[in-house]
Amino acid sequence: MNLSDPVMITVTRGDDVIMEAEGSYDIRVTHEGGRTRVNIIDSRLGGVLCNRLAIEYMTINMPFIGIQAREV
């Protein structure tokens, strides 16, 4: 498997940064029960960083990805 170029991903909830990392990720966006959710998987290690995280929006400006999580 060929990995993508590394990206810098930042996940925030309100003004709090809940995750900031650089690497290659498999980012899957789904829509469940009226909510947009994201799964973030580390492509190199296979580990799940976020599972079904409810989000407000996601911005992509390569190599930067920003995700605003919903308030709980």
PDB file of N, CA and C in Angstrom:
ATOM      1  N   MET A   1       0.840  -1.169   0.000  1.00  0.00           N
ATOM      2  CA  MET A   1       0.000   0.000   0.000  1.00  0.00           C
ATOM      3  C   MET A   1       0.889   1.236   0.000  1.00  0.00           C
ATOM      4  N   ASN A   2       0.569   2.196  -0.852  1.00  0.00           N
ATOM      5  CA  ASN A   2       1.277   3.467  -0.887  1.00  0.00           C
ATOM      6  C   ASN A   2       0.596   4.444   0.057  1.00  0.00           C
ATOM      7  N   LEU A   3       1.372   5.029   0.952  1.00  0.00           N
ATOM      8  CA  LEU A   3       0.823   6.000   1.888  1.00  0.00           C
ATOM      9  C   LEU A   3       0.788   7.374   1.234  1.00  0.00           C
ATOM     10  N   SER A   4      -0.160   8.180   1.672  1.00  0.00           N
ATOM     11  CA  SER A   4      -0.279   9.538   1.155  1.00  0.00           C
ATOM     12  C   SER A   4       0.830  10.407   1.734  1.00  0.00           C
ATOM     13  N   ASP A   5       0.979  11.586   1.157  1.00  0.00           N
ATOM     14  CA  ASP A   5       1.907  12.560   1.733  1.00  0.00           C
ATOM     15  C   ASP A   5       1.410  12.923   3.131  1.00  0.00           C
ATOM     16  N   PRO A   6       2.320  13.185   4.055  1.00  0.00           N
ATOM     17  CA  PRO A   6       1.903  13.527   5.422  1.00  0.00           C
ATOM     18  C   PRO A   6       1.084  14.822   5.452  1.00  0.00           C
ATOM     19  N   VAL A   7       0.149  14.867   6.375  1.00  0.00           N
ATOM     20  CA  VAL A   7      -0.675  16.057   6.600  1.00  0.00           C
ATOM     21  C   VAL A   7      -0.591  16.428   8.073  1.00  0.00           C
ATOM     22  N   MET A   8      -0.944  17.659   8.376  1.00  0.00           N
ATOM     23  CA  MET A   8      -1.041  18.132   9.756  1.00  0.00           C
ATOM     24  C   MET A   8      -2.523  18.238  10.066  1.00  0.00           C
ATOM     25  N   ILE A   9      -2.984  17.458  11.042  1.00  0.00           N
ATOM     26  CA  ILE A   9      -4.401  17.430  11.377  1.00  0.00           C
ATOM     27  C   ILE A   9      -4.596  18.025  12.774  1.00  0.00           C
ATOM     28  N   THR A  10      -5.606  18.889  12.878  1.00  0.00           N
ATOM     29  CA  THR A  10      -5.944  19.511  14.154  1.00  0.00           C
ATOM     30  C   THR A  10      -7.434  19.323  14.392  1.00  0.00           C
ATOM     31  N   VAL A  11      -7.775  18.773  15.561  1.00  0.00           N
ATOM     32  CA  VAL A  11      -9.176  18.590  15.948  1.00  0.00           C
ATOM     33  C   VAL A  11      -9.430  19.477  17.157  1.00  0.00           C
ATOM     34  N   THR A  12     -10.435  20.332  17.053  1.00  0.00           N
ATOM     35  CA  THR A  12     -10.773  21.238  18.158  1.00  0.00           C
ATOM     36  C   THR A  12     -12.223  21.045  18.570  1.00  0.00           C
ATOM     37  N   ARG A  13     -12.494  21.388  19.812  1.00  0.00           N
ATOM     38  CA  ARG A  13     -13.871  21.436  20.328  1.00  0.00           C
ATOM     39  C   ARG A  13     -13.985  22.787  21.024  1.00  0.00           C
ATOM     40  N   GLY A  14     -14.732  23.696  20.404  1.00  0.00           N
ATOM     41  CA  GLY A  14     -14.745  25.064  20.902  1.00  0.00           C
ATOM     42  C   GLY A  14     -13.363  25.657  20.716  1.00  0.00           C
ATOM     43  N   ASP A  15     -12.794  26.205  21.779  1.00  0.00           N
ATOM     44  CA  ASP A  15     -11.440  26.768  21.721  1.00  0.00           C
ATOM     45  C   ASP A  15     -10.363  25.771  22.147  1.00  0.00           C
ATOM     46  N   ASP A  16     -10.759  24.559  22.532  1.00  0.00           N
ATOM     47  CA  ASP A  16      -9.811  23.558  23.023  1.00  0.00           C
ATOM     48  C   ASP A  16      -9.313  22.662  21.895  1.00  0.00           C
ATOM     49  N   VAL A  17      -8.001  22.507  21.793  1.00  0.00           N
ATOM     50  CA  VAL A  17      -7.407  21.568  20.838  1.00  0.00           C
ATOM     51  C   VAL A  17      -7.417  20.194  21.504  1.00  0.00           C
ATOM     52  N   ILE A  18      -8.151  19.241  20.912  1.00  0.00           N
ATOM     53  CA  ILE A  18      -8.219  17.908  21.512  1.00  0.00           C
ATOM     54  C   ILE A  18      -7.275  16.924  20.833  1.00  0.00           C
ATOM     55  N   MET A  19      -6.776  17.287  19.629  1.00  0.00           N
ATOM     56  CA  MET A  19      -5.796  16.440  18.964  1.00  0.00           C
ATOM     57  C   MET A  19      -5.056  17.270  17.929  1.00  0.00           C
ATOM     58  N   GLU A  20      -3.751  17.112  17.879  1.00  0.00           N
ATOM     59  CA  GLU A  20      -2.935  17.745  16.852  1.00  0.00           C
ATOM     60  C   GLU A  20      -1.814  16.767  16.520  1.00  0.00           C
ATOM     61  N   ALA A  21      -1.715  16.395  15.248  1.00  0.00           N
ATOM     62  CA  ALA A  21      -0.725  15.387  14.872  1.00  0.00           C
ATOM     63  C   ALA A  21      -0.338  15.547  13.404  1.00  0.00           C
ATOM     64  N   GLU A  22       0.831  15.028  13.071  1.00  0.00           N
ATOM     65  CA  GLU A  22       1.293  15.014  11.691  1.00  0.00           C
ATOM     66  C   GLU A  22       1.517  13.565  11.282  1.00  0.00           C
ATOM     67  N   GLY A  23       1.054  13.203  10.081  1.00  0.00           N
ATOM     68  CA  GLY A  23       1.229  11.845   9.589  1.00  0.00           C
ATOM     69  C   GLY A  23       0.336  11.567   8.402  1.00  0.00           C
ATOM     70  N   SER A  24       0.164  10.294   8.109  1.00  0.00           N
ATOM     71  CA  SER A  24      -0.713   9.852   7.016  1.00  0.00           C
ATOM     72  C   SER A  24      -1.943   9.204   7.633  1.00  0.00           C
ATOM     73  N   TYR A  25      -3.119   9.685   7.260  1.00  0.00           N
ATOM     74  CA  TYR A  25      -4.354   9.248   7.898  1.00  0.00           C
ATOM     75  C   TYR A  25      -5.400   8.840   6.876  1.00  0.00           C
ATOM     76  N   ASP A  26      -6.212   7.890   7.269  1.00  0.00           N
ATOM     77  CA  ASP A  26      -7.421   7.511   6.541  1.00  0.00           C
ATOM     78  C   ASP A  26      -8.555   8.205   7.281  1.00  0.00           C
ATOM     79  N   ILE A  27      -9.171   9.192   6.647  1.00  0.00           N
ATOM     80  CA  ILE A  27     -10.236   9.968   7.279  1.00  0.00           C
ATOM     81  C   ILE A  27     -11.540   9.614   6.586  1.00  0.00           C
ATOM     82  N   ARG A  28     -12.470   9.068   7.350  1.00  0.00           N
ATOM     83  CA  ARG A  28     -13.760   8.642   6.802  1.00  0.00           C
ATOM     84  C   ARG A  28     -14.876   9.458   7.429  1.00  0.00           C
ATOM     85  N   VAL A  29     -15.655  10.114   6.582  1.00  0.00           N
ATOM     86  CA  VAL A  29     -16.759  10.946   7.042  1.00  0.00           C
ATOM     87  C   VAL A  29     -18.061  10.209   6.747  1.00  0.00           C
ATOM     88  N   THR A  30     -18.934  10.122   7.751  1.00  0.00           N
ATOM     89  CA  THR A  30     -20.228   9.461   7.588  1.00  0.00           C
ATOM     90  C   THR A  30     -21.329  10.372   8.116  1.00  0.00           C
ATOM     91  N   HIS A  31     -22.550  10.027   7.777  1.00  0.00           N
ATOM     92  CA  HIS A  31     -23.710  10.760   8.289  1.00  0.00           C
ATOM     93  C   HIS A  31     -24.612   9.741   8.965  1.00  0.00           C
ATOM     94  N   GLU A  32     -24.772   9.856  10.284  1.00  0.00           N
ATOM     95  CA  GLU A  32     -25.566   8.905  11.069  1.00  0.00           C
ATOM     96  C   GLU A  32     -26.522   9.653  11.975  1.00  0.00           C
ATOM     97  N   GLY A  33     -27.770   9.303  11.929  1.00  0.00           N
ATOM     98  CA  GLY A  33     -28.750   9.869  12.847  1.00  0.00           C
ATOM     99  C   GLY A  33     -28.815  11.388  12.820  1.00  0.00           C
ATOM    100  N   GLY A  34     -28.661  11.982  11.650  1.00  0.00           N
ATOM    101  CA  GLY A  34     -28.719  13.427  11.526  1.00  0.00           C
ATOM    102  C   GLY A  34     -27.444  14.150  11.912  1.00  0.00           C
ATOM    103  N   ARG A  35     -26.381  13.417  12.197  1.00  0.00           N
ATOM    104  CA  ARG A  35     -25.094  14.003  12.593  1.00  0.00           C
ATOM    105  C   ARG A  35     -24.001  13.576  11.616  1.00  0.00           C
ATOM    106  N   THR A  36     -23.077  14.483  11.373  1.00  0.00           N
ATOM    107  CA  THR A  36     -21.892  14.145  10.591  1.00  0.00           C
ATOM    108  C   THR A  36     -20.832  13.654  11.565  1.00  0.00           C
ATOM    109  N   ARG A  37     -20.229  12.516  11.240  1.00  0.00           N
ATOM    110  CA  ARG A  37     -19.220  11.898  12.119  1.00  0.00           C
ATOM    111  C   ARG A  37     -17.967  11.601  11.316  1.00  0.00           C
ATOM    112  N   VAL A  38     -16.845  11.543  12.025  1.00  0.00           N
ATOM    113  CA  VAL A  38     -15.572  11.270  11.373  1.00  0.00           C
ATOM    114  C   VAL A  38     -14.835  10.160  12.117  1.00  0.00           C
ATOM    115  N   ASN A  39     -14.185   9.295  11.353  1.00  0.00           N
ATOM    116  CA  ASN A  39     -13.263   8.289  11.877  1.00  0.00           C
ATOM    117  C   ASN A  39     -11.883   8.660  11.346  1.00  0.00           C
ATOM    118  N   ILE A  40     -10.886   8.690  12.221  1.00  0.00           N
ATOM    119  CA  ILE A  40      -9.518   8.996  11.812  1.00  0.00           C
ATOM    120  C   ILE A  40      -8.649   7.816  12.195  1.00  0.00           C
ATOM    121  N   ILE A  41      -8.005   7.216  11.183  1.00  0.00           N
ATOM    122  CA  ILE A  41      -7.175   6.034  11.382  1.00  0.00           C
ATOM    123  C   ILE A  41      -5.760   6.355  10.916  1.00  0.00           C
ATOM    124  N   ASP A  42      -4.767   6.053  11.744  1.00  0.00           N
ATOM    125  CA  ASP A  42      -3.366   6.249  11.383  1.00  0.00           C
ATOM    126  C   ASP A  42      -3.004   5.197  10.336  1.00  0.00           C
ATOM    127  N   SER A  43      -2.645   5.632   9.128  1.00  0.00           N
ATOM    128  CA  SER A  43      -2.358   4.712   8.024  1.00  0.00           C
ATOM    129  C   SER A  43      -1.092   3.899   8.243  1.00  0.00           C
ATOM    130  N   ARG A  44      -0.147   4.433   8.972  1.00  0.00           N
ATOM    131  CA  ARG A  44       1.108   3.708   9.215  1.00  0.00           C
ATOM    132  C   ARG A  44       0.959   2.644  10.293  1.00  0.00           C
ATOM    133  N   LEU A  45       0.291   3.002  11.391  1.00  0.00           N
ATOM    134  CA  LEU A  45       0.188   2.094  12.530  1.00  0.00           C
ATOM    135  C   LEU A  45      -1.116   1.308  12.559  1.00  0.00           C
ATOM    136  N   GLY A  46      -2.129   1.782  11.829  1.00  0.00           N
ATOM    137  CA  GLY A  46      -3.419   1.103  11.823  1.00  0.00           C
ATOM    138  C   GLY A  46      -4.273   1.412  13.042  1.00  0.00           C
ATOM    139  N   GLY A  47      -3.794   2.275  13.919  1.00  0.00           N
ATOM    140  CA  GLY A  47      -4.546   2.612  15.124  1.00  0.00           C
ATOM    141  C   GLY A  47      -5.642   3.630  14.854  1.00  0.00           C
ATOM    142  N   VAL A  48      -6.733   3.508  15.590  1.00  0.00           N
ATOM    143  CA  VAL A  48      -7.850   4.435  15.467  1.00  0.00           C
ATOM    144  C   VAL A  48      -7.612   5.609  16.411  1.00  0.00           C
ATOM    145  N   LEU A  49      -7.565   6.830  15.862  1.00  0.00           N
ATOM    146  CA  LEU A  49      -7.354   8.032  16.664  1.00  0.00           C
ATOM    147  C   LEU A  49      -8.677   8.640  17.109  1.00  0.00           C
ATOM    148  N   CYS A  50      -9.671   8.620  16.246  1.00  0.00           N
ATOM    149  CA  CYS A  50     -11.022   9.101  16.564  1.00  0.00           C
ATOM    150  C   CYS A  50     -12.010   8.126  15.955  1.00  0.00           C
ATOM    151  N   ASN A  51     -13.013   7.758  16.726  1.00  0.00           N
ATOM    152  CA  ASN A  51     -14.015   6.804  16.241  1.00  0.00           C
ATOM    153  C   ASN A  51     -15.403   7.420  16.380  1.00  0.00           C
ATOM    154  N   ARG A  52     -16.034   7.679  15.254  1.00  0.00           N
ATOM    155  CA  ARG A  52     -17.397   8.212  15.208  1.00  0.00           C
ATOM    156  C   ARG A  52     -17.525   9.530  15.970  1.00  0.00           C
ATOM    157  N   LEU A  53     -16.536  10.397  15.840  1.00  0.00           N
ATOM    158  CA  LEU A  53     -16.544  11.707  16.484  1.00  0.00           C
ATOM    159  C   LEU A  53     -17.546  12.610  15.770  1.00  0.00           C
ATOM    160  N   ALA A  54     -18.515  13.142  16.498  1.00  0.00           N
ATOM    161  CA  ALA A  54     -19.500  14.062  15.917  1.00  0.00           C
ATOM    162  C   ALA A  54     -18.813  15.394  15.628  1.00  0.00           C
ATOM    163  N   ILE A  55     -18.974  15.901  14.394  1.00  0.00           N
ATOM    164  CA  ILE A  55     -18.295  17.130  14.008  1.00  0.00           C
ATOM    165  C   ILE A  55     -19.272  18.174  13.486  1.00  0.00           C
ATOM    166  N   GLU A  56     -18.856  19.432  13.574  1.00  0.00           N
ATOM    167  CA  GLU A  56     -19.589  20.554  12.982  1.00  0.00           C
ATOM    168  C   GLU A  56     -19.181  20.712  11.527  1.00  0.00           C
ATOM    169  N   TYR A  57     -17.842  20.737  11.294  1.00  0.00           N
ATOM    170  CA  TYR A  57     -17.335  20.913   9.933  1.00  0.00           C
ATOM    171  C   TYR A  57     -15.882  20.470   9.855  1.00  0.00           C
ATOM    172  N   MET A  58     -15.389  20.334   8.613  1.00  0.00           N
ATOM    173  CA  MET A  58     -14.004  19.964   8.361  1.00  0.00           C
ATOM    174  C   MET A  58     -13.485  20.867   7.249  1.00  0.00           C
ATOM    175  N   THR A  59     -12.272  21.394   7.405  1.00  0.00           N
ATOM    176  CA  THR A  59     -11.647  22.208   6.367  1.00  0.00           C
ATOM    177  C   THR A  59     -10.370  21.520   5.901  1.00  0.00           C
ATOM    178  N   ILE A  60     -10.112  21.633   4.615  1.00  0.00           N
ATOM    179  CA  ILE A  60      -8.918  21.020   4.035  1.00  0.00           C
ATOM    180  C   ILE A  60      -8.210  22.074   3.199  1.00  0.00           C
ATOM    181  N   ASN A  61      -6.967  22.338   3.545  1.00  0.00           N
ATOM    182  CA  ASN A  61      -6.087  23.227   2.798  1.00  0.00           C
ATOM    183  C   ASN A  61      -4.719  22.569   2.844  1.00  0.00           C
ATOM    184  N   MET A  62      -4.508  21.614   1.944  1.00  0.00           N
ATOM    185  CA  MET A  62      -3.350  20.732   2.008  1.00  0.00           C
ATOM    186  C   MET A  62      -2.073  21.503   2.230  1.00  0.00           C
ATOM    187  N   PRO A  63      -1.258  21.073   3.160  1.00  0.00           N
ATOM    188  CA  PRO A  63      -1.294  19.811   3.894  1.00  0.00           C
ATOM    189  C   PRO A  63      -2.001  19.902   5.249  1.00  0.00           C
ATOM    190  N   PHE A  64      -2.851  20.900   5.452  1.00  0.00           N
ATOM    191  CA  PHE A  64      -3.505  21.090   6.739  1.00  0.00           C
ATOM    192  C   PHE A  64      -4.972  20.646   6.694  1.00  0.00           C
ATOM    193  N   ILE A  65      -5.388  19.919   7.717  1.00  0.00           N
ATOM    194  CA  ILE A  65      -6.781  19.500   7.849  1.00  0.00           C
ATOM    195  C   ILE A  65      -7.255  19.947   9.225  1.00  0.00           C
ATOM    196  N   GLY A  66      -8.362  20.666   9.256  1.00  0.00           N
ATOM    197  CA  GLY A  66      -8.934  21.124  10.509  1.00  0.00           C
ATOM    198  C   GLY A  66     -10.319  20.540  10.698  1.00  0.00           C
ATOM    199  N   ILE A  67     -10.590  20.045  11.875  1.00  0.00           N
ATOM    200  CA  ILE A  67     -11.894  19.449  12.193  1.00  0.00           C
ATOM    201  C   ILE A  67     -12.430  20.116  13.452  1.00  0.00           C
ATOM    202  N   GLN A  68     -13.636  20.651  13.362  1.00  0.00           N
ATOM    203  CA  GLN A  68     -14.313  21.245  14.531  1.00  0.00           C
ATOM    204  C   GLN A  68     -15.316  20.230  15.055  1.00  0.00           C
ATOM    205  N   ALA A  69     -15.042  19.694  16.239  1.00  0.00           N
ATOM    206  CA  ALA A  69     -15.939  18.709  16.857  1.00  0.00           C
ATOM    207  C   ALA A  69     -17.142  19.407  17.469  1.00  0.00           C
ATOM    208  N   ARG A  70     -18.249  18.706  17.528  1.00  0.00           N
ATOM    209  CA  ARG A  70     -19.453  19.243  18.178  1.00  0.00           C
ATOM    210  C   ARG A  70     -19.240  19.341  19.673  1.00  0.00           C
ATOM    211  N   GLU A  71     -19.861  20.337  20.265  1.00  0.00           N
ATOM    212  CA  GLU A  71     -19.884  20.446  21.727  1.00  0.00           C
ATOM    213  C   GLU A  71     -20.717  19.292  22.280  1.00  0.00           C
ATOM    214  N   VAL A  72     -20.312  18.767  23.408  1.00  0.00           N
ATOM    215  CA  VAL A  72     -20.998  17.622  24.001  1.00  0.00           C
ATOM    216  C   VAL A  72     -22.201  18.088  24.789  1.00  0.00           C
TER     217      VAL A  72
END
